[in-house]
């Protein structure tokens, strides 16, 4: 997939656990886990905005574009 989710990297830099992030963002652990592992097919802008507020980062810190190699 061309979009890579770096949520785990940002969380590690902030020393924040999945449980802590779940409480602060208001998402279930399972939904955050799906996003963190890159299995999510979509993300709402409101969710991305909340993640950025809580993690004090920018959307580009969480989402990265890497072209598929052919």
PDB file of N, CA and C in Angstrom:
ATOM      1  N   UNK A   1       0.835  -1.176   0.000  1.00  0.00           N
ATOM      2  CA  UNK A   1       0.000   0.000   0.000  1.00  0.00           C
ATOM      3  C   UNK A   1       0.880   1.240   0.000  1.00  0.00           C
ATOM      4  N   UNK A   2       0.490   2.257  -0.689  1.00  0.00           N
ATOM      5  CA  UNK A   2       1.285   3.464  -0.844  1.00  0.00           C
ATOM      6  C   UNK A   2       1.228   4.382   0.372  1.00  0.00           C
ATOM      7  N   UNK A   3       0.195   4.262   1.201  1.00  0.00           N
ATOM      8  CA  UNK A   3       0.094   5.084   2.399  1.00  0.00           C
ATOM      9  C   UNK A   3       0.562   4.252   3.596  1.00  0.00           C
ATOM     10  N   UNK A   4       1.560   4.771   4.292  1.00  0.00           N
ATOM     11  CA  UNK A   4       2.119   4.090   5.455  1.00  0.00           C
ATOM     12  C   UNK A   4       1.691   4.853   6.704  1.00  0.00           C
ATOM     13  N   UNK A   5       1.219   4.123   7.701  1.00  0.00           N
ATOM     14  CA  UNK A   5       0.780   4.730   8.960  1.00  0.00           C
ATOM     15  C   UNK A   5       1.923   4.598   9.968  1.00  0.00           C
ATOM     16  N   UNK A   6       2.414   5.731  10.450  1.00  0.00           N
ATOM     17  CA  UNK A   6       3.518   5.768  11.408  1.00  0.00           C
ATOM     18  C   UNK A   6       3.038   6.101  12.822  1.00  0.00           C
ATOM     19  N   UNK A   7       1.823   5.718  13.140  1.00  0.00           N
ATOM     20  CA  UNK A   7       1.254   6.031  14.451  1.00  0.00           C
ATOM     21  C   UNK A   7       2.097   5.431  15.568  1.00  0.00           C
ATOM     22  N   UNK A   8       2.568   4.204  15.394  1.00  0.00           N
ATOM     23  CA  UNK A   8       3.376   3.558  16.424  1.00  0.00           C
ATOM     24  C   UNK A   8       4.678   4.312  16.679  1.00  0.00           C
ATOM     25  N   UNK A   9       5.271   4.870  15.631  1.00  0.00           N
ATOM     26  CA  UNK A   9       6.511   5.635  15.768  1.00  0.00           C
ATOM     27  C   UNK A   9       6.260   6.909  16.571  1.00  0.00           C
ATOM     28  N   UNK A  10       5.195   7.628  16.216  1.00  0.00           N
ATOM     29  CA  UNK A  10       4.854   8.876  16.914  1.00  0.00           C
ATOM     30  C   UNK A  10       4.511   8.581  18.371  1.00  0.00           C
ATOM     31  N   UNK A  11       3.784   7.506  18.610  1.00  0.00           N
ATOM     32  CA  UNK A  11       3.436   7.128  19.981  1.00  0.00           C
ATOM     33  C   UNK A  11       4.701   6.809  20.788  1.00  0.00           C
ATOM     34  N   UNK A  12       5.629   6.102  20.195  1.00  0.00           N
ATOM     35  CA  UNK A  12       6.881   5.756  20.880  1.00  0.00           C
ATOM     36  C   UNK A  12       7.687   7.007  21.199  1.00  0.00           C
ATOM     37  N   UNK A  13       7.718   7.959  20.262  1.00  0.00           N
ATOM     38  CA  UNK A  13       8.443   9.215  20.504  1.00  0.00           C
ATOM     39  C   UNK A  13       7.831   9.985  21.659  1.00  0.00           C
ATOM     40  N   UNK A  14       6.515   9.882  21.823  1.00  0.00           N
ATOM     41  CA  UNK A  14       5.806  10.591  22.897  1.00  0.00           C
ATOM     42  C   UNK A  14       5.694   9.748  24.165  1.00  0.00           C
ATOM     43  N   UNK A  15       6.227   8.510  24.096  1.00  0.00           N
ATOM     44  CA  UNK A  15       6.146   7.560  25.210  1.00  0.00           C
ATOM     45  C   UNK A  15       4.697   7.388  25.687  1.00  0.00           C
ATOM     46  N   UNK A  16       3.822   7.176  24.711  1.00  0.00           N
ATOM     47  CA  UNK A  16       2.397   7.029  25.002  1.00  0.00           C
ATOM     48  C   UNK A  16       1.943   5.626  24.619  1.00  0.00           C
ATOM     49  N   UNK A  17       1.214   4.992  25.515  1.00  0.00           N
ATOM     50  CA  UNK A  17       0.710   3.649  25.253  1.00  0.00           C
ATOM     51  C   UNK A  17      -0.586   3.726  24.450  1.00  0.00           C
ATOM     52  N   UNK A  18      -0.973   2.597  23.884  1.00  0.00           N
ATOM     53  CA  UNK A  18      -2.212   2.516  23.125  1.00  0.00           C
ATOM     54  C   UNK A  18      -3.408   2.787  24.041  1.00  0.00           C
ATOM     55  N   UNK A  19      -3.343   2.291  25.274  1.00  0.00           N
ATOM     56  CA  UNK A  19      -4.426   2.524  26.234  1.00  0.00           C
ATOM     57  C   UNK A  19      -4.574   4.011  26.545  1.00  0.00           C
ATOM     58  N   UNK A  20      -3.462   4.674  26.787  1.00  0.00           N
ATOM     59  CA  UNK A  20      -3.486   6.103  27.105  1.00  0.00           C
ATOM     60  C   UNK A  20      -4.024   6.911  25.930  1.00  0.00           C
ATOM     61  N   UNK A  21      -3.553   6.585  24.726  1.00  0.00           N
ATOM     62  CA  UNK A  21      -4.015   7.297  23.538  1.00  0.00           C
ATOM     63  C   UNK A  21      -5.509   7.064  23.321  1.00  0.00           C
ATOM     64  N   UNK A  22      -5.946   5.840  23.531  1.00  0.00           N
ATOM     65  CA  UNK A  22      -7.363   5.500  23.379  1.00  0.00           C
ATOM     66  C   UNK A  22      -8.236   6.362  24.285  1.00  0.00           C
ATOM     67  N   UNK A  23      -7.826   6.516  25.533  1.00  0.00           N
ATOM     68  CA  UNK A  23      -8.585   7.325  26.489  1.00  0.00           C
ATOM     69  C   UNK A  23      -8.612   8.795  26.078  1.00  0.00           C
ATOM     70  N   UNK A  24      -7.473   9.320  25.638  1.00  0.00           N
ATOM     71  CA  UNK A  24      -7.371  10.741  25.307  1.00  0.00           C
ATOM     72  C   UNK A  24      -8.086  11.093  24.004  1.00  0.00           C
ATOM     73  N   UNK A  25      -8.087  10.154  23.060  1.00  0.00           N
ATOM     74  CA  UNK A  25      -8.678  10.411  21.751  1.00  0.00           C
ATOM     75  C   UNK A  25     -10.158  10.042  21.719  1.00  0.00           C
ATOM     76  N   UNK A  26     -10.546   9.071  22.533  1.00  0.00           N
ATOM     77  CA  UNK A  26     -11.931   8.636  22.553  1.00  0.00           C
ATOM     78  C   UNK A  26     -12.250   7.584  21.503  1.00  0.00           C
ATOM     79  N   UNK A  27     -11.252   6.812  21.115  1.00  0.00           N
ATOM     80  CA  UNK A  27     -11.440   5.696  20.183  1.00  0.00           C
ATOM     81  C   UNK A  27     -11.220   4.389  20.924  1.00  0.00           C
ATOM     82  N   UNK A  28     -11.855   3.338  20.428  1.00  0.00           N
ATOM     83  CA  UNK A  28     -11.662   2.037  21.057  1.00  0.00           C
ATOM     84  C   UNK A  28     -10.260   1.518  20.767  1.00  0.00           C
ATOM     85  N   UNK A  29      -9.795   0.636  21.622  1.00  0.00           N
ATOM     86  CA  UNK A  29      -8.480   0.031  21.416  1.00  0.00           C
ATOM     87  C   UNK A  29      -8.416  -0.713  20.095  1.00  0.00           C
ATOM     88  N   UNK A  30      -9.508  -1.395  19.738  1.00  0.00           N
ATOM     89  CA  UNK A  30      -9.497  -2.161  18.490  1.00  0.00           C
ATOM     90  C   UNK A  30      -9.390  -1.241  17.281  1.00  0.00           C
ATOM     91  N   UNK A  31     -10.097  -0.112  17.284  1.00  0.00           N
ATOM     92  CA  UNK A  31     -10.005   0.817  16.149  1.00  0.00           C
ATOM     93  C   UNK A  31      -8.625   1.449  16.059  1.00  0.00           C
ATOM     94  N   UNK A  32      -8.042   1.807  17.194  1.00  0.00           N
ATOM     95  CA  UNK A  32      -6.687   2.362  17.181  1.00  0.00           C
ATOM     96  C   UNK A  32      -5.671   1.322  16.726  1.00  0.00           C
ATOM     97  N   UNK A  33      -5.868   0.088  17.144  1.00  0.00           N
ATOM     98  CA  UNK A  33      -4.969  -0.993  16.754  1.00  0.00           C
ATOM     99  C   UNK A  33      -5.016  -1.216  15.239  1.00  0.00           C
ATOM    100  N   UNK A  34      -6.212  -1.186  14.671  1.00  0.00           N
ATOM    101  CA  UNK A  34      -6.366  -1.339  13.219  1.00  0.00           C
ATOM    102  C   UNK A  34      -5.644  -0.212  12.498  1.00  0.00           C
ATOM    103  N   UNK A  35      -5.772   0.995  13.003  1.00  0.00           N
ATOM    104  CA  UNK A  35      -5.087   2.135  12.397  1.00  0.00           C
ATOM    105  C   UNK A  35      -3.579   2.008  12.558  1.00  0.00           C
ATOM    106  N   UNK A  36      -3.138   1.651  13.742  1.00  0.00           N
ATOM    107  CA  UNK A  36      -1.707   1.545  14.044  1.00  0.00           C
ATOM    108  C   UNK A  36      -1.008   0.493  13.196  1.00  0.00           C
ATOM    109  N   UNK A  37      -1.690  -0.606  12.916  1.00  0.00           N
ATOM    110  CA  UNK A  37      -1.078  -1.682  12.134  1.00  0.00           C
ATOM    111  C   UNK A  37      -1.182  -1.456  10.627  1.00  0.00           C
ATOM    112  N   UNK A  38      -1.841  -0.362  10.230  1.00  0.00           N
ATOM    113  CA  UNK A  38      -1.945  -0.058   8.808  1.00  0.00           C
ATOM    114  C   UNK A  38      -3.040  -0.827   8.092  1.00  0.00           C
ATOM    115  N   UNK A  39      -3.929  -1.460   8.841  1.00  0.00           N
ATOM    116  CA  UNK A  39      -4.999  -2.243   8.226  1.00  0.00           C
ATOM    117  C   UNK A  39      -6.248  -1.421   7.929  1.00  0.00           C
ATOM    118  N   UNK A  40      -6.267  -0.174   8.390  1.00  0.00           N
ATOM    119  CA  UNK A  40      -7.430   0.691   8.162  1.00  0.00           C
ATOM    120  C   UNK A  40      -7.512   1.077   6.689  1.00  0.00           C
ATOM    121  N   UNK A  41      -8.717   1.134   6.175  1.00  0.00           N
ATOM    122  CA  UNK A  41      -8.938   1.531   4.780  1.00  0.00           C
ATOM    123  C   UNK A  41      -9.202   3.024   4.659  1.00  0.00           C
ATOM    124  N   UNK A  42      -9.552   3.677   5.780  1.00  0.00           N
ATOM    125  CA  UNK A  42      -9.868   5.107   5.760  1.00  0.00           C
ATOM    126  C   UNK A  42      -9.702   5.672   7.159  1.00  0.00           C
ATOM    127  N   UNK A  43      -9.599   6.986   7.231  1.00  0.00           N
ATOM    128  CA  UNK A  43      -9.567   7.685   8.515  1.00  0.00           C
ATOM    129  C   UNK A  43     -10.309   8.999   8.341  1.00  0.00           C
ATOM    130  N   UNK A  44     -11.140   9.329   9.291  1.00  0.00           N
ATOM    131  CA  UNK A  44     -11.865  10.595   9.243  1.00  0.00           C
ATOM    132  C   UNK A  44     -10.908  11.733   9.567  1.00  0.00           C
ATOM    133  N   UNK A  45     -11.136  12.862   8.920  1.00  0.00           N
ATOM    134  CA  UNK A  45     -10.313  14.028   9.207  1.00  0.00           C
ATOM    135  C   UNK A  45     -10.447  14.439  10.667  1.00  0.00           C
ATOM    136  N   UNK A  46     -11.626  14.292  11.235  1.00  0.00           N
ATOM    137  CA  UNK A  46     -11.825  14.658  12.644  1.00  0.00           C
ATOM    138  C   UNK A  46     -10.986  13.760  13.561  1.00  0.00           C
ATOM    139  N   UNK A  47     -10.868  12.478  13.210  1.00  0.00           N
ATOM    140  CA  UNK A  47     -10.036  11.556  13.985  1.00  0.00           C
ATOM    141  C   UNK A  47      -8.568  11.918  13.834  1.00  0.00           C
ATOM    142  N   UNK A  48      -8.148  12.217  12.620  1.00  0.00           N
ATOM    143  CA  UNK A  48      -6.763  12.615  12.371  1.00  0.00           C
ATOM    144  C   UNK A  48      -6.438  13.900  13.127  1.00  0.00           C
ATOM    145  N   UNK A  49      -7.380  14.836  13.116  1.00  0.00           N
ATOM    146  CA  UNK A  49      -7.185  16.101  13.830  1.00  0.00           C
ATOM    147  C   UNK A  49      -7.020  15.864  15.333  1.00  0.00           C
ATOM    148  N   UNK A  50      -7.849  15.005  15.898  1.00  0.00           N
ATOM    149  CA  UNK A  50      -7.771  14.704  17.324  1.00  0.00           C
ATOM    150  C   UNK A  50      -6.456  14.004  17.667  1.00  0.00           C
ATOM    151  N   UNK A  51      -6.048  13.060  16.827  1.00  0.00           N
ATOM    152  CA  UNK A  51      -4.762  12.386  17.036  1.00  0.00           C
ATOM    153  C   UNK A  51      -3.621  13.400  17.032  1.00  0.00           C
ATOM    154  N   UNK A  52      -3.658  14.324  16.093  1.00  0.00           N
ATOM    155  CA  UNK A  52      -2.607  15.337  15.994  1.00  0.00           C
ATOM    156  C   UNK A  52      -2.596  16.245  17.223  1.00  0.00           C
ATOM    157  N   UNK A  53      -3.766  16.611  17.718  1.00  0.00           N
ATOM    158  CA  UNK A  53      -3.841  17.448  18.923  1.00  0.00           C
ATOM    159  C   UNK A  53      -3.242  16.725  20.120  1.00  0.00           C
ATOM    160  N   UNK A  54      -3.662  15.477  20.322  1.00  0.00           N
ATOM    161  CA  UNK A  54      -3.213  14.710  21.484  1.00  0.00           C
ATOM    162  C   UNK A  54      -1.722  14.397  21.396  1.00  0.00           C
ATOM    163  N   UNK A  55      -1.253  14.035  20.208  1.00  0.00           N
ATOM    164  CA  UNK A  55       0.154  13.660  20.034  1.00  0.00           C
ATOM    165  C   UNK A  55       1.062  14.853  19.722  1.00  0.00           C
ATOM    166  N   UNK A  56       0.448  16.029  19.588  1.00  0.00           N
ATOM    167  CA  UNK A  56       1.195  17.255  19.269  1.00  0.00           C
ATOM    168  C   UNK A  56       2.088  17.040  18.047  1.00  0.00           C
ATOM    169  N   UNK A  57       1.436  16.677  16.950  1.00  0.00           N
ATOM    170  CA  UNK A  57       2.157  16.417  15.710  1.00  0.00           C
ATOM    171  C   UNK A  57       1.345  16.931  14.528  1.00  0.00           C
ATOM    172  N   UNK A  58       1.823  16.677  13.337  1.00  0.00           N
ATOM    173  CA  UNK A  58       1.137  17.037  12.108  1.00  0.00           C
ATOM    174  C   UNK A  58       0.680  15.770  11.398  1.00  0.00           C
ATOM    175  N   UNK A  59      -0.319  15.887  10.516  1.00  0.00           N
ATOM    176  CA  UNK A  59      -0.791  14.694   9.798  1.00  0.00           C
ATOM    177  C   UNK A  59       0.337  13.949   9.078  1.00  0.00           C
ATOM    178  N   UNK A  60       1.303  14.684   8.549  1.00  0.00           N
ATOM    179  CA  UNK A  60       2.423  14.059   7.845  1.00  0.00           C
ATOM    180  C   UNK A  60       3.340  13.257   8.744  1.00  0.00           C
ATOM    181  N   UNK A  61       3.253  13.475  10.050  1.00  0.00           N
ATOM    182  CA  UNK A  61       4.025  12.660  10.989  1.00  0.00           C
ATOM    183  C   UNK A  61       3.394  11.281  11.155  1.00  0.00           C
ATOM    184  N   UNK A  62       2.079  11.228  10.982  1.00  0.00           N
ATOM    185  CA  UNK A  62       1.336   9.978  11.156  1.00  0.00           C
ATOM    186  C   UNK A  62       1.185   9.218   9.840  1.00  0.00           C
ATOM    187  N   UNK A  63       0.898   9.953   8.759  1.00  0.00           N
ATOM    188  CA  UNK A  63       0.674   9.335   7.451  1.00  0.00           C
ATOM    189  C   UNK A  63       1.795   9.706   6.499  1.00  0.00           C
ATOM    190  N   UNK A  64       2.265   8.727   5.758  1.00  0.00           N
ATOM    191  CA  UNK A  64       3.368   8.941   4.824  1.00  0.00           C
ATOM    192  C   UNK A  64       3.046   8.260   3.498  1.00  0.00           C
ATOM    193  N   UNK A  65       3.399   8.905   2.407  1.00  0.00           N
ATOM    194  CA  UNK A  65       3.196   8.320   1.091  1.00  0.00           C
ATOM    195  C   UNK A  65       4.485   7.675   0.619  1.00  0.00           C
ATOM    196  N   UNK A  66       4.427   6.405   0.271  1.00  0.00           N
ATOM    197  CA  UNK A  66       5.548   5.677  -0.318  1.00  0.00           C
ATOM    198  C   UNK A  66       5.042   4.982  -1.564  1.00  0.00           C
ATOM    199  N   UNK A  67       5.513   5.396  -2.721  1.00  0.00           N
ATOM    200  CA  UNK A  67       5.030   4.778  -3.967  1.00  0.00           C
ATOM    201  C   UNK A  67       5.301   3.265  -3.974  1.00  0.00           C
ATOM    202  N   UNK A  68       4.359   2.536  -4.552  1.00  0.00           N
ATOM    203  CA  UNK A  68       4.534   1.103  -4.717  1.00  0.00           C
ATOM    204  C   UNK A  68       5.659   0.843  -5.707  1.00  0.00           C
ATOM    205  N   UNK A  69       6.493  -0.123  -5.384  1.00  0.00           N
ATOM    206  CA  UNK A  69       7.566  -0.487  -6.316  1.00  0.00           C
ATOM    207  C   UNK A  69       7.031  -1.487  -7.309  1.00  0.00           C
ATOM    208  N   UNK A  70       7.330  -1.268  -8.575  1.00  0.00           N
ATOM    209  CA  UNK A  70       6.845  -2.192  -9.611  1.00  0.00           C
ATOM    210  C   UNK A  70       7.989  -2.835 -10.322  1.00  0.00           C
TER     211      UNK A  70
END
